[in-house]
Amino acid sequence: MLFNWKEKSLTHFKKASYPRTAWFVGNVVVVFNTILYLLSYKSGGWLNLTWYKFVFIGALDTFGIVLYENLSKYKTTTGSLSYGLLLQDDNVHYLYDGLIWLILPRRTLATAPFLFFSIFHVLSFSATEILPALNVSSALNAKVSNFAKIHHERSRRLAANFELLLLIQLIFRALFWRKG
């Protein structure tokens, strides 16, 4: 049996903190809007631009929440914020990237790293929070969890490759004074 519904099926899900749930929703926004953006890429228009912008709004949400939750890591012994430690965190880089791509003209390649990260964040949250709350069979839960663990590093490398392609594209555009 795939689902085993019980009266208290959402008790487990209610234990998820608000920031963690908002982080999950941000990742869902990234995945959903990236798919809609890519499906409507050829048509263009205001709706396509809206989906593109929501990809980065979702990214700002997710990376902003992660940084907020980890602020205690960046404090010195005196209790003040260490900007040096903060700037070494990859999440600051992706928060900055999300803001830049939200403001600058569209670059489809810019959505790829956020999509890859968000897919695995959605899978991980689903395996730890949603599937147990729905009393889904442990076999399915284990498959989702194992898939996320096995392919997570590969997706990080793929995201880095897309970032490198984007950098090369931007360098060539800058060298040859090409707009857009």
Protein backbone atom coordinates (compact mmCIF):
# COMPACT_ATOMS: atom_id res chain seq x y z
CA MET A 1 0.00 0.00 0.00
CA LEU A 2 1.49 3.32 -1.10
CA PHE A 3 -0.42 5.59 1.29
CA ASN A 4 -1.46 4.66 4.79
CA TRP A 5 -3.77 7.50 5.86
CA LYS A 6 -4.31 7.99 9.57
CA GLU A 7 -6.12 10.63 11.60
CA LYS A 8 -2.89 12.25 12.71
CA SER A 9 -1.18 12.12 9.32
CA LEU A 10 -0.09 15.77 9.42
CA THR A 11 1.31 15.70 12.96
CA HIS A 12 4.82 15.08 11.64
CA PHE A 13 4.56 17.89 9.08
CA LYS A 14 3.41 20.37 11.74
CA LYS A 15 6.74 19.88 13.50
CA ALA A 16 8.58 21.55 10.60
CA SER A 17 9.58 25.07 11.59
CA TYR A 18 8.12 28.07 9.81
CA PRO A 19 11.48 29.15 8.27
CA ARG A 20 12.12 25.62 7.01
CA THR A 21 8.65 25.45 5.47
CA ALA A 22 9.13 28.89 3.88
CA TRP A 23 12.49 27.65 2.56
CA PHE A 24 10.71 24.65 1.02
CA VAL A 25 8.05 26.87 -0.56
CA GLY A 26 10.79 29.07 -2.03
CA ASN A 27 12.41 26.02 -3.58
CA VAL A 28 9.07 24.88 -5.01
CA VAL A 29 8.62 28.38 -6.47
CA VAL A 30 12.04 28.10 -8.15
CA VAL A 31 11.32 24.66 -9.65
CA PHE A 32 7.77 25.46 -10.76
CA ASN A 33 8.61 28.85 -12.29
CA THR A 34 11.74 27.59 -14.02
CA ILE A 35 9.70 24.88 -15.71
CA LEU A 36 7.02 27.39 -16.75
CA TYR A 37 9.68 29.83 -17.97
CA LEU A 38 11.46 27.18 -20.05
CA LEU A 39 8.19 25.87 -21.52
CA SER A 40 7.18 29.37 -22.61
CA TYR A 41 10.67 30.49 -23.65
CA LYS A 42 9.91 30.80 -27.37
CA SER A 43 6.69 32.74 -26.85
CA GLY A 44 8.31 35.42 -24.68
CA GLY A 45 5.97 38.10 -23.43
CA TRP A 46 5.18 39.47 -20.01
CA LEU A 47 4.12 36.12 -18.55
CA ASN A 48 7.43 34.55 -19.53
CA LEU A 49 9.26 37.45 -17.89
CA THR A 50 7.11 37.09 -14.76
CA TRP A 51 8.01 33.41 -14.40
CA TYR A 52 11.67 34.26 -14.93
CA LYS A 53 11.56 36.90 -12.17
CA PHE A 54 9.78 34.51 -9.79
CA VAL A 55 12.62 32.01 -10.21
CA PHE A 56 14.93 34.53 -8.59
CA ILE A 57 12.42 35.74 -6.03
CA GLY A 58 12.17 32.12 -4.88
CA ALA A 59 15.97 31.88 -4.84
CA LEU A 60 16.23 35.05 -2.73
CA ASP A 61 13.72 33.52 -0.33
CA THR A 62 15.60 30.24 0.04
CA PHE A 63 19.11 31.60 0.38
CA GLY A 64 17.96 34.50 2.57
CA ILE A 65 16.31 32.08 4.99
CA VAL A 66 19.41 29.87 5.11
CA LEU A 67 21.61 32.88 5.89
CA TYR A 68 19.18 34.19 8.50
CA GLU A 69 19.05 30.81 10.23
CA ASN A 70 22.86 30.57 10.26
CA LEU A 71 23.59 34.10 11.52
CA SER A 72 24.90 32.75 14.82
CA LYS A 73 27.76 31.05 12.91
CA TYR A 74 29.03 34.44 11.78
CA LYS A 75 29.24 36.09 15.17
CA THR A 76 32.53 36.79 16.89
CA THR A 77 33.23 36.10 20.56
CA THR A 78 32.07 39.65 21.35
CA GLY A 79 28.72 38.96 19.69
CA SER A 80 29.20 41.23 16.68
CA LEU A 81 28.70 40.03 13.13
CA SER A 82 31.87 38.95 11.30
CA TYR A 83 31.41 40.08 7.71
CA GLY A 84 34.53 38.14 6.70
CA LEU A 85 32.96 34.87 7.84
CA LEU A 86 29.62 35.80 6.31
CA LEU A 87 31.15 36.55 2.91
CA GLN A 88 32.85 33.13 2.86
CA ASP A 89 29.48 31.38 2.87
CA ASP A 90 28.30 30.10 -0.55
CA ASN A 91 24.76 31.11 0.34
CA VAL A 92 25.80 34.78 0.22
CA HIS A 93 27.11 34.19 -3.31
CA TYR A 94 23.82 32.65 -4.44
CA LEU A 95 21.76 35.33 -2.70
CA TYR A 96 23.80 37.94 -4.57
CA ASP A 97 23.43 35.99 -7.84
CA GLY A 98 19.69 35.80 -7.38
CA LEU A 99 19.49 39.54 -6.83
CA ILE A 100 21.70 40.30 -9.83
CA TRP A 101 19.69 38.07 -12.19
CA LEU A 102 16.43 39.48 -10.86
CA ILE A 103 17.56 42.99 -11.86
CA LEU A 104 19.65 42.42 -15.00
CA PRO A 105 18.33 41.37 -18.43
CA ARG A 106 17.28 37.75 -18.83
CA ARG A 107 19.85 34.98 -19.11
CA THR A 108 18.27 31.56 -19.38
CA LEU A 109 21.49 29.88 -18.25
CA ALA A 110 21.21 31.77 -14.94
CA THR A 111 18.15 29.74 -13.96
CA ALA A 112 19.92 26.36 -14.22
CA PRO A 113 21.99 26.38 -10.99
CA PHE A 114 18.98 27.48 -8.96
CA LEU A 115 16.83 24.79 -10.57
CA PHE A 116 19.33 22.03 -9.75
CA PHE A 117 19.71 23.14 -6.14
CA SER A 118 15.99 23.53 -5.65
CA ILE A 119 15.10 20.13 -7.11
CA PHE A 120 17.28 18.42 -4.53
CA HIS A 121 16.10 20.66 -1.71
CA VAL A 122 12.48 19.81 -2.58
CA LEU A 123 13.33 16.10 -2.69
CA SER A 124 15.14 16.25 0.66
CA PHE A 125 12.32 18.15 2.38
CA SER A 126 9.78 15.77 0.89
CA ALA A 127 11.70 12.76 2.20
CA THR A 128 12.11 14.17 5.71
CA GLU A 129 8.84 16.06 6.21
CA ILE A 130 6.09 15.50 3.64
CA LEU A 131 6.26 11.77 2.93
CA PRO A 132 6.41 10.82 6.63
CA ALA A 133 3.49 13.18 7.31
CA LEU A 134 1.46 11.42 4.64
CA ASN A 135 2.47 8.02 6.02
CA VAL A 136 3.86 7.03 2.65
CA SER A 137 5.49 3.63 2.54
CA SER A 138 9.03 3.66 3.87
CA ALA A 139 10.26 2.05 0.63
CA LEU A 140 9.21 5.08 -1.42
CA ASN A 141 10.59 7.42 1.21
CA ALA A 142 13.91 5.56 1.13
CA LYS A 143 14.02 5.71 -2.69
CA VAL A 144 13.47 9.48 -2.72
CA SER A 145 16.02 10.00 0.03
CA ASN A 146 18.62 7.76 -1.64
CA PHE A 147 18.11 9.42 -5.02
CA ALA A 148 18.70 12.83 -3.44
CA LYS A 149 21.83 11.63 -1.63
CA ILE A 150 23.32 9.79 -4.61
CA HIS A 151 22.80 12.53 -7.21
CA HIS A 152 23.24 15.65 -5.06
CA GLU A 153 26.97 16.06 -5.69
CA ARG A 154 26.51 15.45 -9.42
CA SER A 155 23.86 18.18 -9.54
CA ARG A 156 26.22 20.58 -7.76
CA ARG A 157 28.87 19.94 -10.42
CA LEU A 158 26.30 20.41 -13.16
CA ALA A 159 25.21 23.71 -11.58
CA ALA A 160 28.86 24.83 -11.44
CA ASN A 161 29.26 23.95 -15.13
CA PHE A 162 26.24 26.08 -16.02
CA GLU A 163 27.70 28.93 -13.96
CA LEU A 164 30.95 28.60 -15.92
CA LEU A 165 29.05 28.62 -19.25
CA LEU A 166 27.20 31.72 -18.12
CA LEU A 167 30.47 33.42 -17.21
CA ILE A 168 31.97 32.56 -20.61
CA GLN A 169 28.84 33.87 -22.34
CA LEU A 170 29.03 37.14 -20.40
CA ILE A 171 32.75 37.56 -21.12
CA PHE A 172 32.20 37.11 -24.86
CA ARG A 173 29.29 39.53 -24.82
CA ALA A 174 31.45 42.09 -23.00
CA LEU A 175 34.42 41.59 -25.33
CA PHE A 176 32.34 42.04 -28.46
CA TRP A 177 30.10 44.78 -27.02
CA ARG A 178 26.93 42.78 -27.58
CA LYS A 179 23.75 43.83 -25.84
CA GLY A 180 21.03 41.56 -24.57
